[in-house]
N, C-alpha and C. Protein backbone atom coordinates (compact mmCIF):
# COMPACT_ATOMS: atom_id res chain seq x y z
N MET A 1 114.78 131.52 174.84
CA MET A 1 113.88 130.84 175.76
C MET A 1 112.43 130.92 175.27
N PHE A 2 112.01 132.15 174.90
CA PHE A 2 110.65 132.33 174.42
C PHE A 2 110.41 131.52 173.15
N THR A 3 111.37 131.47 172.26
CA THR A 3 111.24 130.74 171.01
C THR A 3 111.08 129.25 171.28
N ALA A 4 111.84 128.72 172.22
CA ALA A 4 111.75 127.30 172.57
C ALA A 4 110.38 126.98 173.14
N LEU A 5 109.87 127.85 174.00
CA LEU A 5 108.53 127.64 174.58
C LEU A 5 107.46 127.73 173.50
N ALA A 6 107.62 128.63 172.56
CA ALA A 6 106.65 128.78 171.47
C ALA A 6 106.65 127.53 170.59
N ILE A 7 107.83 126.98 170.34
CA ILE A 7 107.92 125.76 169.52
C ILE A 7 107.28 124.59 170.26
N ILE A 8 107.56 124.46 171.53
CA ILE A 8 106.97 123.38 172.33
C ILE A 8 105.45 123.53 172.37
N ALA A 9 104.96 124.75 172.57
CA ALA A 9 103.52 125.00 172.60
C ALA A 9 102.89 124.66 171.25
N ALA A 10 103.57 125.04 170.17
CA ALA A 10 103.04 124.76 168.83
C ALA A 10 102.97 123.25 168.59
N VAL A 11 103.99 122.53 169.01
CA VAL A 11 104.00 121.08 168.85
C VAL A 11 102.87 120.45 169.67
N LEU A 12 102.67 120.91 170.89
CA LEU A 12 101.59 120.38 171.74
C LEU A 12 100.22 120.68 171.15
N VAL A 13 100.04 121.89 170.65
CA VAL A 13 98.75 122.25 170.02
C VAL A 13 98.52 121.39 168.80
N TYR A 14 99.57 121.19 168.00
CA TYR A 14 99.45 120.34 166.82
C TYR A 14 99.09 118.91 167.23
N ALA A 15 99.75 118.39 168.26
CA ALA A 15 99.47 117.02 168.73
C ALA A 15 98.02 116.89 169.19
N VAL A 16 97.50 117.89 169.86
CA VAL A 16 96.10 117.86 170.30
C VAL A 16 95.17 117.89 169.10
N ILE A 17 95.47 118.70 168.12
CA ILE A 17 94.63 118.78 166.91
C ILE A 17 94.64 117.45 166.17
N VAL A 18 95.82 116.85 166.03
CA VAL A 18 95.93 115.56 165.35
C VAL A 18 95.18 114.49 166.15
N TYR A 19 95.35 114.48 167.47
CA TYR A 19 94.67 113.50 168.32
C TYR A 19 93.16 113.62 168.15
N ASN A 20 92.64 114.83 168.22
CA ASN A 20 91.20 115.04 168.08
C ASN A 20 90.71 114.62 166.69
N GLY A 21 91.52 114.85 165.67
CA GLY A 21 91.17 114.39 164.32
C GLY A 21 91.10 112.87 164.24
N LEU A 22 92.04 112.20 164.92
CA LEU A 22 92.03 110.74 164.95
C LEU A 22 90.80 110.22 165.69
N VAL A 23 90.45 110.86 166.79
CA VAL A 23 89.26 110.46 167.54
C VAL A 23 88.02 110.63 166.69
N LYS A 24 87.93 111.76 166.00
CA LYS A 24 86.78 112.01 165.13
C LYS A 24 86.70 110.94 164.03
N SER A 25 87.82 110.61 163.42
CA SER A 25 87.83 109.60 162.36
C SER A 25 87.43 108.24 162.90
N ARG A 26 87.92 107.88 164.08
CA ARG A 26 87.55 106.60 164.68
C ARG A 26 86.05 106.55 164.96
N GLN A 27 85.49 107.66 165.44
CA GLN A 27 84.05 107.70 165.71
C GLN A 27 83.23 107.60 164.42
N MET A 28 83.74 108.19 163.35
CA MET A 28 83.04 108.08 162.07
C MET A 28 83.04 106.64 161.57
N VAL A 29 84.15 105.93 161.77
CA VAL A 29 84.21 104.52 161.39
C VAL A 29 83.20 103.72 162.20
N GLU A 30 83.13 103.98 163.50
CA GLU A 30 82.18 103.25 164.35
C GLU A 30 80.74 103.57 163.97
N GLU A 31 80.46 104.83 163.67
CA GLU A 31 79.12 105.21 163.24
C GLU A 31 78.76 104.54 161.91
N ALA A 32 79.71 104.52 161.00
CA ALA A 32 79.47 103.91 159.70
C ALA A 32 79.23 102.41 159.85
N TRP A 33 79.99 101.76 160.72
CA TRP A 33 79.79 100.33 160.94
C TRP A 33 78.40 100.08 161.53
N SER A 34 77.98 100.94 162.41
CA SER A 34 76.64 100.82 162.99
C SER A 34 75.58 100.91 161.89
N GLY A 35 75.78 101.80 160.92
CA GLY A 35 74.83 101.91 159.81
C GLY A 35 74.76 100.64 158.99
N ILE A 36 75.91 100.02 158.73
CA ILE A 36 75.92 98.75 158.00
C ILE A 36 75.20 97.69 158.81
N ASP A 37 75.50 97.65 160.09
CA ASP A 37 74.91 96.63 160.97
C ASP A 37 73.39 96.74 160.99
N VAL A 38 72.88 97.95 161.03
CA VAL A 38 71.42 98.16 161.03
C VAL A 38 70.81 97.63 159.73
N GLN A 39 71.44 97.95 158.59
CA GLN A 39 70.91 97.49 157.30
C GLN A 39 70.97 95.97 157.19
N LEU A 40 72.06 95.38 157.66
CA LEU A 40 72.18 93.92 157.60
C LEU A 40 71.15 93.25 158.51
N LYS A 41 70.85 93.86 159.64
CA LYS A 41 69.82 93.32 160.54
C LYS A 41 68.45 93.39 159.87
N ARG A 42 68.17 94.50 159.19
CA ARG A 42 66.89 94.62 158.48
C ARG A 42 66.77 93.54 157.42
N ARG A 43 67.86 93.28 156.70
CA ARG A 43 67.83 92.23 155.68
C ARG A 43 67.61 90.88 156.32
N ALA A 44 68.31 90.61 157.41
CA ALA A 44 68.16 89.32 158.10
C ALA A 44 66.74 89.13 158.61
N ASP A 45 66.10 90.21 159.02
CA ASP A 45 64.72 90.11 159.50
C ASP A 45 63.73 89.83 158.37
N LEU A 46 64.04 90.27 157.15
CA LEU A 46 63.14 90.01 156.01
C LEU A 46 63.27 88.59 155.47
N ILE A 47 64.42 87.98 155.65
CA ILE A 47 64.68 86.67 155.05
C ILE A 47 63.68 85.60 155.48
N PRO A 48 63.32 85.48 156.77
CA PRO A 48 62.33 84.44 157.12
C PRO A 48 61.00 84.61 156.37
N ASN A 49 60.55 85.84 156.18
CA ASN A 49 59.31 86.08 155.43
C ASN A 49 59.46 85.66 153.98
N LEU A 50 60.60 85.96 153.40
CA LEU A 50 60.87 85.57 152.03
C LEU A 50 60.89 84.05 151.90
N ILE A 51 61.55 83.39 152.82
CA ILE A 51 61.64 81.92 152.80
C ILE A 51 60.25 81.31 152.89
N GLU A 52 59.43 81.80 153.80
CA GLU A 52 58.08 81.25 153.96
C GLU A 52 57.25 81.45 152.70
N THR A 53 57.41 82.59 152.05
CA THR A 53 56.66 82.85 150.82
C THR A 53 57.09 81.89 149.72
N VAL A 54 58.39 81.70 149.58
CA VAL A 54 58.90 80.83 148.53
C VAL A 54 58.60 79.37 148.83
N LYS A 55 58.60 78.99 150.10
CA LYS A 55 58.38 77.59 150.50
C LYS A 55 57.10 77.02 149.91
N GLY A 56 56.07 77.79 149.93
CA GLY A 56 54.79 77.30 149.44
C GLY A 56 54.83 76.93 147.96
N TYR A 57 55.66 77.62 147.21
CA TYR A 57 55.73 77.38 145.76
C TYR A 57 56.83 76.40 145.39
N ALA A 58 57.88 76.39 146.15
CA ALA A 58 59.06 75.62 145.77
C ALA A 58 59.48 74.65 146.86
N ALA A 59 58.53 73.90 147.35
CA ALA A 59 58.81 72.98 148.46
C ALA A 59 59.90 71.98 148.12
N HIS A 60 59.98 71.57 146.86
CA HIS A 60 60.98 70.56 146.50
C HIS A 60 62.38 71.16 146.34
N GLU A 61 62.52 72.47 146.45
CA GLU A 61 63.82 73.14 146.38
C GLU A 61 64.34 73.41 147.79
N LYS A 62 64.17 72.46 148.65
CA LYS A 62 64.48 72.60 150.06
C LYS A 62 65.94 72.99 150.32
N SER A 63 66.87 72.46 149.56
CA SER A 63 68.29 72.72 149.83
C SER A 63 68.63 74.21 149.66
N THR A 64 68.07 74.86 148.66
CA THR A 64 68.33 76.28 148.46
C THR A 64 67.77 77.09 149.62
N LEU A 65 66.57 76.75 150.05
CA LEU A 65 65.95 77.46 151.16
C LEU A 65 66.75 77.26 152.45
N GLU A 66 67.18 76.05 152.69
CA GLU A 66 67.95 75.75 153.90
C GLU A 66 69.31 76.46 153.87
N GLU A 67 69.91 76.56 152.68
CA GLU A 67 71.19 77.25 152.56
C GLU A 67 71.05 78.71 152.96
N VAL A 68 69.99 79.37 152.51
CA VAL A 68 69.77 80.77 152.86
C VAL A 68 69.59 80.92 154.37
N ILE A 69 68.81 80.04 154.96
CA ILE A 69 68.58 80.11 156.41
C ILE A 69 69.88 79.89 157.17
N THR A 70 70.65 78.88 156.77
CA THR A 70 71.92 78.58 157.43
C THR A 70 72.89 79.76 157.33
N LEU A 71 73.01 80.34 156.15
CA LEU A 71 73.93 81.46 155.95
C LEU A 71 73.46 82.70 156.69
N ARG A 72 72.16 82.90 156.79
CA ARG A 72 71.63 84.03 157.56
C ARG A 72 72.02 83.88 159.02
N ASN A 73 71.85 82.68 159.56
CA ASN A 73 72.20 82.43 160.96
C ASN A 73 73.70 82.59 161.20
N LYS A 74 74.51 82.13 160.25
CA LYS A 74 75.97 82.30 160.38
C LYS A 74 76.34 83.78 160.38
N ALA A 75 75.72 84.54 159.50
CA ALA A 75 76.02 85.97 159.42
C ALA A 75 75.66 86.69 160.71
N GLN A 76 74.55 86.30 161.30
CA GLN A 76 74.13 86.94 162.55
C GLN A 76 75.01 86.52 163.72
N ALA A 77 75.68 85.37 163.61
CA ALA A 77 76.51 84.85 164.70
C ALA A 77 77.91 85.46 164.72
N VAL A 78 78.29 86.17 163.67
CA VAL A 78 79.62 86.78 163.63
C VAL A 78 79.68 87.88 164.69
N PRO A 79 80.76 87.91 165.49
CA PRO A 79 80.88 88.95 166.52
C PRO A 79 80.79 90.36 165.94
N ALA A 80 80.26 91.27 166.71
CA ALA A 80 79.98 92.63 166.23
C ALA A 80 81.19 93.36 165.66
N GLY A 81 82.35 93.19 166.22
CA GLY A 81 83.52 93.93 165.75
C GLY A 81 84.31 93.26 164.65
N ASP A 82 83.91 92.09 164.22
CA ASP A 82 84.66 91.34 163.21
C ASP A 82 84.19 91.75 161.81
N VAL A 83 84.74 92.85 161.31
CA VAL A 83 84.31 93.40 160.02
C VAL A 83 84.61 92.41 158.89
N ALA A 84 85.81 91.86 158.87
CA ALA A 84 86.19 90.94 157.78
C ALA A 84 85.33 89.67 157.82
N GLY A 85 85.10 89.12 158.99
CA GLY A 85 84.25 87.93 159.11
C GLY A 85 82.82 88.21 158.69
N ARG A 86 82.33 89.37 159.07
CA ARG A 86 80.96 89.73 158.72
C ARG A 86 80.83 89.95 157.22
N ALA A 87 81.86 90.58 156.62
CA ALA A 87 81.85 90.81 155.18
C ALA A 87 81.81 89.48 154.43
N GLN A 88 82.60 88.52 154.88
CA GLN A 88 82.62 87.22 154.22
C GLN A 88 81.27 86.51 154.37
N ALA A 89 80.72 86.50 155.57
CA ALA A 89 79.44 85.83 155.81
C ALA A 89 78.31 86.50 155.02
N GLU A 90 78.31 87.82 154.97
CA GLU A 90 77.26 88.54 154.25
C GLU A 90 77.41 88.35 152.74
N GLY A 91 78.65 88.21 152.26
CA GLY A 91 78.86 87.94 150.84
C GLY A 91 78.27 86.60 150.44
N MET A 92 78.49 85.59 151.28
CA MET A 92 77.93 84.27 150.99
C MET A 92 76.41 84.31 151.06
N LEU A 93 75.86 85.05 152.02
CA LEU A 93 74.42 85.17 152.14
C LEU A 93 73.84 85.88 150.92
N GLY A 94 74.49 86.92 150.47
CA GLY A 94 74.03 87.63 149.28
C GLY A 94 73.98 86.73 148.05
N GLN A 95 74.99 85.88 147.91
CA GLN A 95 75.00 84.96 146.77
C GLN A 95 73.86 83.95 146.90
N ALA A 96 73.61 83.46 148.11
CA ALA A 96 72.52 82.51 148.31
C ALA A 96 71.17 83.16 148.03
N LEU A 97 71.02 84.44 148.40
CA LEU A 97 69.78 85.15 148.09
C LEU A 97 69.61 85.29 146.58
N GLY A 98 70.70 85.50 145.88
CA GLY A 98 70.65 85.56 144.42
C GLY A 98 70.15 84.25 143.83
N LYS A 99 70.61 83.13 144.39
CA LYS A 99 70.14 81.82 143.94
C LYS A 99 68.65 81.67 144.21
N LEU A 100 68.22 82.18 145.37
CA LEU A 100 66.80 82.07 145.73
C LEU A 100 65.94 82.86 144.74
N PHE A 101 66.39 84.05 144.37
CA PHE A 101 65.62 84.83 143.40
C PHE A 101 65.66 84.20 142.02
N ALA A 102 66.79 83.60 141.67
CA ALA A 102 66.86 82.90 140.38
C ALA A 102 65.92 81.70 140.39
N LEU A 103 65.83 81.04 141.51
CA LEU A 103 64.92 79.90 141.67
C LEU A 103 63.46 80.37 141.50
N ALA A 104 63.15 81.51 142.06
CA ALA A 104 61.79 82.04 141.98
C ALA A 104 61.36 82.31 140.55
N GLU A 105 62.31 82.57 139.68
CA GLU A 105 62.00 82.82 138.27
C GLU A 105 61.31 81.61 137.62
N ALA A 106 61.56 80.43 138.15
CA ALA A 106 61.00 79.21 137.56
C ALA A 106 59.53 79.00 137.95
N TYR A 107 59.01 79.85 138.81
CA TYR A 107 57.64 79.67 139.29
C TYR A 107 56.80 80.90 138.94
N PRO A 108 56.08 80.84 137.82
CA PRO A 108 55.30 82.01 137.37
C PRO A 108 54.29 82.50 138.41
N ASP A 109 53.65 81.56 139.12
CA ASP A 109 52.68 81.98 140.13
C ASP A 109 53.35 82.75 141.26
N LEU A 110 54.55 82.31 141.63
CA LEU A 110 55.29 82.99 142.69
C LEU A 110 55.70 84.38 142.22
N LYS A 111 56.17 84.50 140.99
CA LYS A 111 56.59 85.79 140.47
C LYS A 111 55.44 86.79 140.44
N ALA A 112 54.23 86.29 140.33
CA ALA A 112 53.06 87.17 140.27
C ALA A 112 52.47 87.43 141.66
N ASN A 113 52.93 86.72 142.68
CA ASN A 113 52.41 86.86 144.04
C ASN A 113 52.84 88.21 144.62
N GLN A 114 51.86 89.01 145.03
CA GLN A 114 52.16 90.37 145.50
C GLN A 114 53.04 90.36 146.75
N GLY A 115 52.81 89.41 147.63
CA GLY A 115 53.65 89.32 148.84
C GLY A 115 55.11 89.08 148.49
N PHE A 116 55.34 88.18 147.53
CA PHE A 116 56.71 87.91 147.10
C PHE A 116 57.31 89.14 146.43
N LEU A 117 56.53 89.79 145.58
CA LEU A 117 57.03 90.97 144.89
C LEU A 117 57.39 92.09 145.87
N ASP A 118 56.57 92.26 146.91
CA ASP A 118 56.86 93.26 147.94
C ASP A 118 58.14 92.92 148.69
N LEU A 119 58.29 91.64 149.06
CA LEU A 119 59.50 91.21 149.75
C LEU A 119 60.73 91.40 148.87
N GLN A 120 60.61 91.04 147.60
CA GLN A 120 61.73 91.18 146.68
C GLN A 120 62.11 92.66 146.54
N ALA A 121 61.12 93.52 146.41
CA ALA A 121 61.40 94.95 146.28
C ALA A 121 62.05 95.49 147.54
N SER A 122 61.57 95.03 148.70
CA SER A 122 62.17 95.47 149.97
C SER A 122 63.62 95.05 150.07
N LEU A 123 63.88 93.80 149.68
CA LEU A 123 65.27 93.32 149.73
C LEU A 123 66.16 94.06 148.73
N GLU A 124 65.63 94.35 147.56
CA GLU A 124 66.42 95.09 146.58
C GLU A 124 66.74 96.49 147.09
N THR A 125 65.77 97.14 147.73
CA THR A 125 66.01 98.46 148.31
C THR A 125 67.06 98.35 149.41
N LEU A 126 66.92 97.34 150.25
CA LEU A 126 67.90 97.14 151.33
C LEU A 126 69.30 96.88 150.79
N GLU A 127 69.40 96.11 149.73
CA GLU A 127 70.71 95.84 149.14
C GLU A 127 71.36 97.14 148.68
N GLY A 128 70.57 98.03 148.11
CA GLY A 128 71.09 99.34 147.71
C GLY A 128 71.55 100.16 148.92
N GLU A 129 70.77 100.10 150.00
CA GLU A 129 71.14 100.83 151.22
C GLU A 129 72.39 100.23 151.86
N ILE A 130 72.50 98.90 151.81
CA ILE A 130 73.71 98.24 152.33
C ILE A 130 74.91 98.69 151.51
N GLN A 131 74.75 98.75 150.21
CA GLN A 131 75.84 99.20 149.33
C GLN A 131 76.27 100.61 149.69
N MET A 132 75.31 101.52 149.90
CA MET A 132 75.65 102.90 150.27
C MET A 132 76.32 102.94 151.64
N SER A 133 75.80 102.16 152.59
CA SER A 133 76.39 102.13 153.93
C SER A 133 77.81 101.59 153.88
N ARG A 134 78.02 100.58 153.04
CA ARG A 134 79.35 99.99 152.92
C ARG A 134 80.34 101.01 152.32
N ARG A 135 79.88 101.75 151.32
CA ARG A 135 80.76 102.78 150.74
C ARG A 135 81.10 103.85 151.77
N TYR A 136 80.12 104.27 152.55
CA TYR A 136 80.36 105.27 153.59
C TYR A 136 81.35 104.74 154.62
N TYR A 137 81.14 103.50 155.06
CA TYR A 137 82.04 102.89 156.03
C TYR A 137 83.46 102.81 155.48
N ASN A 138 83.59 102.31 154.24
CA ASN A 138 84.92 102.17 153.66
C ASN A 138 85.61 103.53 153.48
N GLY A 139 84.85 104.57 153.19
CA GLY A 139 85.42 105.92 153.10
C GLY A 139 85.90 106.40 154.46
N ALA A 140 85.12 106.15 155.50
CA ALA A 140 85.53 106.54 156.84
C ALA A 140 86.75 105.73 157.29
N ALA A 141 86.78 104.44 156.95
CA ALA A 141 87.93 103.60 157.28
C ALA A 141 89.17 104.09 156.54
N ARG A 142 89.00 104.45 155.27
CA ARG A 142 90.13 104.97 154.49
C ARG A 142 90.69 106.23 155.12
N ASP A 143 89.81 107.16 155.51
CA ASP A 143 90.27 108.41 156.11
C ASP A 143 91.04 108.16 157.40
N LEU A 144 90.52 107.27 158.24
CA LEU A 144 91.22 106.93 159.47
C LEU A 144 92.55 106.27 159.16
N ASN A 145 92.56 105.33 158.24
CA ASN A 145 93.80 104.62 157.91
C ASN A 145 94.88 105.57 157.38
N VAL A 146 94.48 106.55 156.59
CA VAL A 146 95.45 107.53 156.08
C VAL A 146 96.06 108.30 157.24
N LYS A 147 95.22 108.71 158.18
CA LYS A 147 95.73 109.46 159.34
C LYS A 147 96.63 108.59 160.21
N VAL A 148 96.27 107.33 160.38
CA VAL A 148 97.06 106.43 161.22
C VAL A 148 98.42 106.15 160.59
N GLU A 149 98.48 106.10 159.27
CA GLU A 149 99.73 105.72 158.59
C GLU A 149 100.59 106.89 158.13
N SER A 150 100.02 108.07 157.94
CA SER A 150 100.80 109.16 157.34
C SER A 150 101.56 109.96 158.41
N PHE A 151 102.67 110.50 157.96
CA PHE A 151 103.52 111.29 158.84
C PHE A 151 103.04 112.73 158.83
N PRO A 152 103.01 113.42 159.89
CA PRO A 152 103.45 113.11 161.25
C PRO A 152 102.33 112.59 162.17
N SER A 153 101.11 112.46 161.63
CA SER A 153 100.02 111.99 162.50
C SER A 153 100.23 110.56 162.98
N ASN A 154 101.06 109.78 162.26
CA ASN A 154 101.33 108.42 162.71
C ASN A 154 102.09 108.42 164.03
N LEU A 155 102.84 109.48 164.32
CA LEU A 155 103.53 109.56 165.61
C LEU A 155 102.53 109.66 166.76
N VAL A 156 101.49 110.46 166.55
CA VAL A 156 100.44 110.59 167.57
C VAL A 156 99.62 109.31 167.64
N SER A 157 99.24 108.75 166.48
CA SER A 157 98.39 107.56 166.48
C SER A 157 99.11 106.38 167.14
N ARG A 158 100.38 106.24 166.89
CA ARG A 158 101.14 105.13 167.48
C ARG A 158 101.21 105.27 169.01
N ASN A 159 101.42 106.50 169.48
CA ASN A 159 101.56 106.72 170.92
C ASN A 159 100.25 106.61 171.69
N PHE A 160 99.13 106.78 171.00
CA PHE A 160 97.84 106.73 171.68
C PHE A 160 97.01 105.51 171.29
N GLY A 161 97.61 104.56 170.59
CA GLY A 161 96.96 103.28 170.31
C GLY A 161 95.90 103.29 169.21
N PHE A 162 95.93 104.24 168.32
CA PHE A 162 94.99 104.23 167.20
C PHE A 162 95.47 103.19 166.18
N THR A 163 94.54 102.40 165.68
CA THR A 163 94.88 101.36 164.70
C THR A 163 94.03 101.52 163.45
N LYS A 164 94.50 100.87 162.40
CA LYS A 164 93.76 100.92 161.15
C LYS A 164 92.44 100.17 161.28
N ALA A 165 91.47 100.59 160.51
CA ALA A 165 90.17 99.92 160.45
C ALA A 165 90.17 98.97 159.26
N SER A 166 89.45 97.86 159.40
CA SER A 166 89.31 96.91 158.30
C SER A 166 88.27 97.43 157.32
N TYR A 167 88.49 97.15 156.04
CA TYR A 167 87.49 97.50 155.04
C TYR A 167 86.42 96.42 155.01
N PHE A 168 85.21 96.81 154.67
CA PHE A 168 84.11 95.87 154.50
C PHE A 168 84.05 95.55 153.02
N GLU A 169 84.62 94.41 152.66
CA GLU A 169 84.71 94.06 151.25
C GLU A 169 84.54 92.56 151.07
N ILE A 170 84.21 92.19 149.86
CA ILE A 170 84.08 90.79 149.52
C ILE A 170 85.48 90.27 149.22
N THR A 171 85.88 89.25 149.96
CA THR A 171 87.23 88.71 149.78
C THR A 171 87.22 87.44 148.95
N ASN A 172 86.10 86.77 148.88
CA ASN A 172 85.99 85.53 148.12
C ASN A 172 85.48 85.86 146.72
N GLU A 173 86.28 85.60 145.71
CA GLU A 173 85.89 85.92 144.33
C GLU A 173 84.60 85.22 143.91
N ALA A 174 84.34 84.03 144.46
CA ALA A 174 83.12 83.30 144.11
C ALA A 174 81.88 84.08 144.53
N ASP A 175 81.99 84.89 145.58
CA ASP A 175 80.85 85.69 146.04
C ASP A 175 80.49 86.79 145.06
N ARG A 176 81.43 87.18 144.20
CA ARG A 176 81.18 88.22 143.20
C ARG A 176 80.46 87.69 141.97
N ALA A 177 80.49 86.38 141.80
CA ALA A 177 79.94 85.77 140.60
C ALA A 177 78.41 85.82 140.62
N VAL A 178 77.83 85.86 139.43
CA VAL A 178 76.38 85.81 139.30
C VAL A 178 75.94 84.38 139.65
N PRO A 179 74.97 84.24 140.54
CA PRO A 179 74.56 82.89 140.92
C PRO A 179 73.90 82.14 139.76
N SER A 180 74.14 80.85 139.72
CA SER A 180 73.49 80.05 138.69
C SER A 180 72.67 78.97 139.38
N VAL A 181 71.51 78.75 138.83
CA VAL A 181 70.60 77.73 139.36
C VAL A 181 70.29 76.76 138.26
N LYS A 182 70.44 75.49 138.54
CA LYS A 182 70.18 74.45 137.55
C LYS A 182 69.07 73.56 138.09
N PHE A 183 68.14 73.22 137.22
CA PHE A 183 67.03 72.35 137.61
C PHE A 183 67.23 70.97 137.05
């Protein structure tokens, strides 16, 4: 009798430990996503300033400028919990920003403009921070996913509704390509 109670108690204690580990992992994923969201918001806030700076020099390159604005607005319109949708929209925006910087190379006065250089440096710093945030998020998602799928923690995760987290990754191969600008 005592042995049976000890086994049941051990199983319950283990289930509580696994449950708490799953909760912790889920919270880390949510915290990591929040970090990405903050960095993406900072980037989106810098884009209008960048566009205005470039506009004065490259007024006839209107389509590139409009593409960046359109993609920025699309990225901001993606629902907060849609990691895959946000990753796709941000990938397209990143490629459009690359085209914008390539376009700026054709304007020596713009390249020498301190305001443009400051904006470019800020965006480059932000891109690095987004990259770090994305790696942290994907690591937290991986840890949660391992717990959700591996035995015996999958028994607890299935019974309490824990699900896998989506990775924040570029799914469109064209988004990985170096942008090209032709005049």
